Amino acid sequence: MAATRRRYQPRPQRVTGWYVEDTHTGRVWAGLTRPGALQLADHLNRNA
């Protein structure tokens, strides 16, 4: 049985800020603060 992984992953950017990546399509929401990225990923994962 494979481990479950969330579709929308919040990740840190190289220089500053955070982004959320859709692991199915590769779509990215960039330019977020850490709390904003976590909140967006949580919201998207609930509706996925």
PDB file of N, CA and C in Angstrom:
ATOM      1  N   MET A   1       0.836  -1.174   0.000  1.00  0.00           N
ATOM      2  CA  MET A   1       0.000   0.000   0.000  1.00  0.00           C
ATOM      3  C   MET A   1       0.891   1.251   0.000  1.00  0.00           C
ATOM      4  N   ALA A   2       0.658   2.135  -0.934  1.00  0.00           N
ATOM      5  CA  ALA A   2       1.480   3.335  -1.060  1.00  0.00           C
ATOM      6  C   ALA A   2       1.076   4.385  -0.031  1.00  0.00           C
ATOM      7  N   ALA A   3       2.037   5.177   0.355  1.00  0.00           N
ATOM      8  CA  ALA A   3       1.755   6.276   1.282  1.00  0.00           C
ATOM      9  C   ALA A   3       0.962   7.352   0.547  1.00  0.00           C
ATOM     10  N   THR A   4       0.031   7.962   1.245  1.00  0.00           N
ATOM     11  CA  THR A   4      -0.759   9.016   0.612  1.00  0.00           C
ATOM     12  C   THR A   4       0.037  10.310   0.593  1.00  0.00           C
ATOM     13  N   ARG A   5      -0.090  11.025  -0.489  1.00  0.00           N
ATOM     14  CA  ARG A   5       0.603  12.301  -0.651  1.00  0.00           C
ATOM     15  C   ARG A   5      -0.417  13.312  -1.143  1.00  0.00           C
ATOM     16  N   ARG A   6      -0.389  14.462  -0.559  1.00  0.00           N
ATOM     17  CA  ARG A   6      -1.346  15.485  -0.948  1.00  0.00           C
ATOM     18  C   ARG A   6      -1.035  16.007  -2.345  1.00  0.00           C
ATOM     19  N   ARG A   7      -2.106  16.327  -3.081  1.00  0.00           N
ATOM     20  CA  ARG A   7      -1.944  16.801  -4.448  1.00  0.00           C
ATOM     21  C   ARG A   7      -1.267  18.169  -4.499  1.00  0.00           C
ATOM     22  N   TYR A   8      -1.677  19.068  -3.622  1.00  0.00           N
ATOM     23  CA  TYR A   8      -1.133  20.427  -3.612  1.00  0.00           C
ATOM     24  C   TYR A   8      -0.096  20.538  -2.509  1.00  0.00           C
ATOM     25  N   GLN A   9       1.147  20.818  -2.891  1.00  0.00           N
ATOM     26  CA  GLN A   9       2.272  20.829  -1.962  1.00  0.00           C
ATOM     27  C   GLN A   9       2.822  22.243  -1.792  1.00  0.00           C
ATOM     28  N   PRO A  10       2.844  22.768  -0.560  1.00  0.00           N
ATOM     29  CA  PRO A  10       3.521  24.051  -0.341  1.00  0.00           C
ATOM     30  C   PRO A  10       5.028  23.823  -0.244  1.00  0.00           C
ATOM     31  N   ARG A  11       5.797  24.684  -0.921  1.00  0.00           N
ATOM     32  CA  ARG A  11       7.257  24.521  -0.936  1.00  0.00           C
ATOM     33  C   ARG A  11       7.927  25.887  -0.884  1.00  0.00           C
ATOM     34  N   PRO A  12       9.105  25.959  -0.268  1.00  0.00           N
ATOM     35  CA  PRO A  12       9.820  27.245  -0.236  1.00  0.00           C
ATOM     36  C   PRO A  12      10.465  27.552  -1.588  1.00  0.00           C
ATOM     37  N   GLN A  13      10.487  28.847  -1.934  1.00  0.00           N
ATOM     38  CA  GLN A  13      11.188  29.266  -3.139  1.00  0.00           C
ATOM     39  C   GLN A  13      12.662  29.419  -2.811  1.00  0.00           C
ATOM     40  N   ARG A  14      13.498  29.474  -3.828  1.00  0.00           N
ATOM     41  CA  ARG A  14      14.945  29.532  -3.596  1.00  0.00           C
ATOM     42  C   ARG A  14      15.384  30.816  -2.916  1.00  0.00           C
ATOM     43  N   VAL A  15      14.841  31.940  -3.329  1.00  0.00           N
ATOM     44  CA  VAL A  15      15.312  33.216  -2.797  1.00  0.00           C
ATOM     45  C   VAL A  15      14.446  33.669  -1.630  1.00  0.00           C
ATOM     46  N   THR A  16      13.175  33.897  -1.891  1.00  0.00           N
ATOM     47  CA  THR A  16      12.286  34.360  -0.831  1.00  0.00           C
ATOM     48  C   THR A  16      10.855  33.950  -1.136  1.00  0.00           C
ATOM     49  N   GLY A  17      10.089  33.695  -0.114  1.00  0.00           N
ATOM     50  CA  GLY A  17       8.687  33.360  -0.289  1.00  0.00           C
ATOM     51  C   GLY A  17       8.439  31.872  -0.461  1.00  0.00           C
ATOM     52  N   TRP A  18       7.186  31.554  -0.705  1.00  0.00           N
ATOM     53  CA  TRP A  18       6.744  30.173  -0.856  1.00  0.00           C
ATOM     54  C   TRP A  18       5.868  30.052  -2.094  1.00  0.00           C
ATOM     55  N   TYR A  19       5.687  28.834  -2.574  1.00  0.00           N
ATOM     56  CA  TYR A  19       4.760  28.571  -3.667  1.00  0.00           C
ATOM     57  C   TYR A  19       4.015  27.276  -3.386  1.00  0.00           C
ATOM     58  N   VAL A  20       2.889  27.094  -4.084  1.00  0.00           N
ATOM     59  CA  VAL A  20       2.104  25.866  -3.985  1.00  0.00           C
ATOM     60  C   VAL A  20       2.118  25.224  -5.359  1.00  0.00           C
ATOM     61  N   GLU A  21       2.460  23.938  -5.407  1.00  0.00           N
ATOM     62  CA  GLU A  21       2.547  23.212  -6.676  1.00  0.00           C
ATOM     63  C   GLU A  21       1.487  22.125  -6.735  1.00  0.00           C
ATOM     64  N   ASP A  22       0.775  22.063  -7.871  1.00  0.00           N
ATOM     65  CA  ASP A  22      -0.165  20.978  -8.140  1.00  0.00           C
ATOM     66  C   ASP A  22       0.666  19.825  -8.700  1.00  0.00           C
ATOM     67  N   THR A  23       0.801  18.737  -7.942  1.00  0.00           N
ATOM     68  CA  THR A  23       1.674  17.641  -8.352  1.00  0.00           C
ATOM     69  C   THR A  23       1.096  16.828  -9.508  1.00  0.00           C
ATOM     70  N   HIS A  24      -0.167  17.054  -9.872  1.00  0.00           N
ATOM     71  CA  HIS A  24      -0.754  16.328 -10.999  1.00  0.00           C
ATOM     72  C   HIS A  24      -0.523  17.056 -12.317  1.00  0.00           C
ATOM     73  N   THR A  25      -0.665  18.379 -12.310  1.00  0.00           N
ATOM     74  CA  THR A  25      -0.567  19.133 -13.558  1.00  0.00           C
ATOM     75  C   THR A  25       0.686  19.993 -13.656  1.00  0.00           C
ATOM     76  N   GLY A  26       1.357  20.240 -12.526  1.00  0.00           N
ATOM     77  CA  GLY A  26       2.535  21.087 -12.531  1.00  0.00           C
ATOM     78  C   GLY A  26       2.228  22.568 -12.383  1.00  0.00           C
ATOM     79  N   ARG A  27       0.951  22.913 -12.235  1.00  0.00           N
ATOM     80  CA  ARG A  27       0.573  24.321 -12.054  1.00  0.00           C
ATOM     81  C   ARG A  27       1.152  24.848 -10.748  1.00  0.00           C
ATOM     82  N   VAL A  28       1.551  26.128 -10.753  1.00  0.00           N
ATOM     83  CA  VAL A  28       2.214  26.724  -9.589  1.00  0.00           C
ATOM     84  C   VAL A  28       1.547  28.049  -9.231  1.00  0.00           C
ATOM     85  N   TRP A  29       1.337  28.257  -7.945  1.00  0.00           N
ATOM     86  CA  TRP A  29       0.902  29.544  -7.393  1.00  0.00           C
ATOM     87  C   TRP A  29       2.090  30.078  -6.604  1.00  0.00           C
ATOM     88  N   ALA A  30       2.716  31.140  -7.098  1.00  0.00           N
ATOM     89  CA  ALA A  30       3.963  31.632  -6.500  1.00  0.00           C
ATOM     90  C   ALA A  30       3.756  32.974  -5.811  1.00  0.00           C
ATOM     91  N   GLY A  31       4.796  33.400  -5.092  1.00  0.00           N
ATOM     92  CA  GLY A  31       4.795  34.706  -4.459  1.00  0.00           C
ATOM     93  C   GLY A  31       3.979  34.774  -3.188  1.00  0.00           C
ATOM     94  N   LEU A  32       3.954  33.696  -2.423  1.00  0.00           N
ATOM     95  CA  LEU A  32       3.151  33.640  -1.209  1.00  0.00           C
ATOM     96  C   LEU A  32       4.029  33.674   0.035  1.00  0.00           C
ATOM     97  N   THR A  33       3.438  34.080   1.141  1.00  0.00           N
ATOM     98  CA  THR A  33       4.106  33.922   2.431  1.00  0.00           C
ATOM     99  C   THR A  33       3.892  32.480   2.876  1.00  0.00           C
ATOM    100  N   ARG A  34       4.642  32.026   3.858  1.00  0.00           N
ATOM    101  CA  ARG A  34       4.491  30.648   4.333  1.00  0.00           C
ATOM    102  C   ARG A  34       3.073  30.364   4.832  1.00  0.00           C
ATOM    103  N   PRO A  35       2.502  31.228   5.702  1.00  0.00           N
ATOM    104  CA  PRO A  35       1.128  30.952   6.146  1.00  0.00           C
ATOM    105  C   PRO A  35       0.124  30.960   4.991  1.00  0.00           C
ATOM    106  N   GLY A  36       0.337  31.850   4.022  1.00  0.00           N
ATOM    107  CA  GLY A  36      -0.552  31.903   2.868  1.00  0.00           C
ATOM    108  C   GLY A  36      -0.463  30.645   2.023  1.00  0.00           C
ATOM    109  N   ALA A  37       0.748  30.135   1.829  1.00  0.00           N
ATOM    110  CA  ALA A  37       0.938  28.913   1.047  1.00  0.00           C
ATOM    111  C   ALA A  37       0.313  27.713   1.753  1.00  0.00           C
ATOM    112  N   LEU A  38       0.485  27.630   3.072  1.00  0.00           N
ATOM    113  CA  LEU A  38      -0.107  26.520   3.823  1.00  0.00           C
ATOM    114  C   LEU A  38      -1.625  26.580   3.773  1.00  0.00           C
ATOM    115  N   GLN A  39      -2.179  27.779   3.897  1.00  0.00           N
ATOM    116  CA  GLN A  39      -3.630  27.938   3.869  1.00  0.00           C
ATOM    117  C   GLN A  39      -4.187  27.601   2.486  1.00  0.00           C
ATOM    118  N   LEU A  40      -3.535  28.072   1.424  1.00  0.00           N
ATOM    119  CA  LEU A  40      -3.990  27.779   0.070  1.00  0.00           C
ATOM    120  C   LEU A  40      -3.915  26.284  -0.215  1.00  0.00           C
ATOM    121  N   ALA A  41      -2.811  25.641   0.139  1.00  0.00           N
ATOM    122  CA  ALA A  41      -2.664  24.203  -0.097  1.00  0.00           C
ATOM    123  C   ALA A  41      -3.724  23.416   0.666  1.00  0.00           C
ATOM    124  N   ASP A  42      -3.989  23.799   1.904  1.00  0.00           N
ATOM    125  CA  ASP A  42      -5.010  23.129   2.703  1.00  0.00           C
ATOM    126  C   ASP A  42      -6.379  23.274   2.050  1.00  0.00           C
ATOM    127  N   HIS A  43      -6.701  24.477   1.593  1.00  0.00           N
ATOM    128  CA  HIS A  43      -7.990  24.728   0.943  1.00  0.00           C
ATOM    129  C   HIS A  43      -8.121  23.909  -0.347  1.00  0.00           C
ATOM    130  N   LEU A  44      -7.075  23.920  -1.173  1.00  0.00           N
ATOM    131  CA  LEU A  44      -7.129  23.184  -2.436  1.00  0.00           C
ATOM    132  C   LEU A  44      -7.211  21.679  -2.203  1.00  0.00           C
ATOM    133  N   ASN A  45      -6.495  21.166  -1.210  1.00  0.00           N
ATOM    134  CA  ASN A  45      -6.530  19.732  -0.925  1.00  0.00           C
ATOM    135  C   ASN A  45      -7.895  19.294  -0.405  1.00  0.00           C
ATOM    136  N   ARG A  46      -8.575  20.156   0.324  1.00  0.00           N
ATOM    137  CA  ARG A  46      -9.923  19.816   0.806  1.00  0.00           C
ATOM    138  C   ARG A  46     -10.905  19.689  -0.336  1.00  0.00           C
ATOM    139  N   ASN A  47     -10.722  20.504  -1.375  1.00  0.00           N
ATOM    140  CA  ASN A  47     -11.643  20.517  -2.509  1.00  0.00           C
ATOM    141  C   ASN A  47     -11.198  19.618  -3.658  1.00  0.00           C
ATOM    142  N   ALA A  48     -10.055  18.972  -3.529  1.00  0.00           N
ATOM    143  CA  ALA A  48      -9.536  18.119  -4.614  1.00  0.00           C
ATOM    144  C   ALA A  48     -10.264  16.787  -4.650  1.00  0.00           C
TER     145      ALA A  48
END
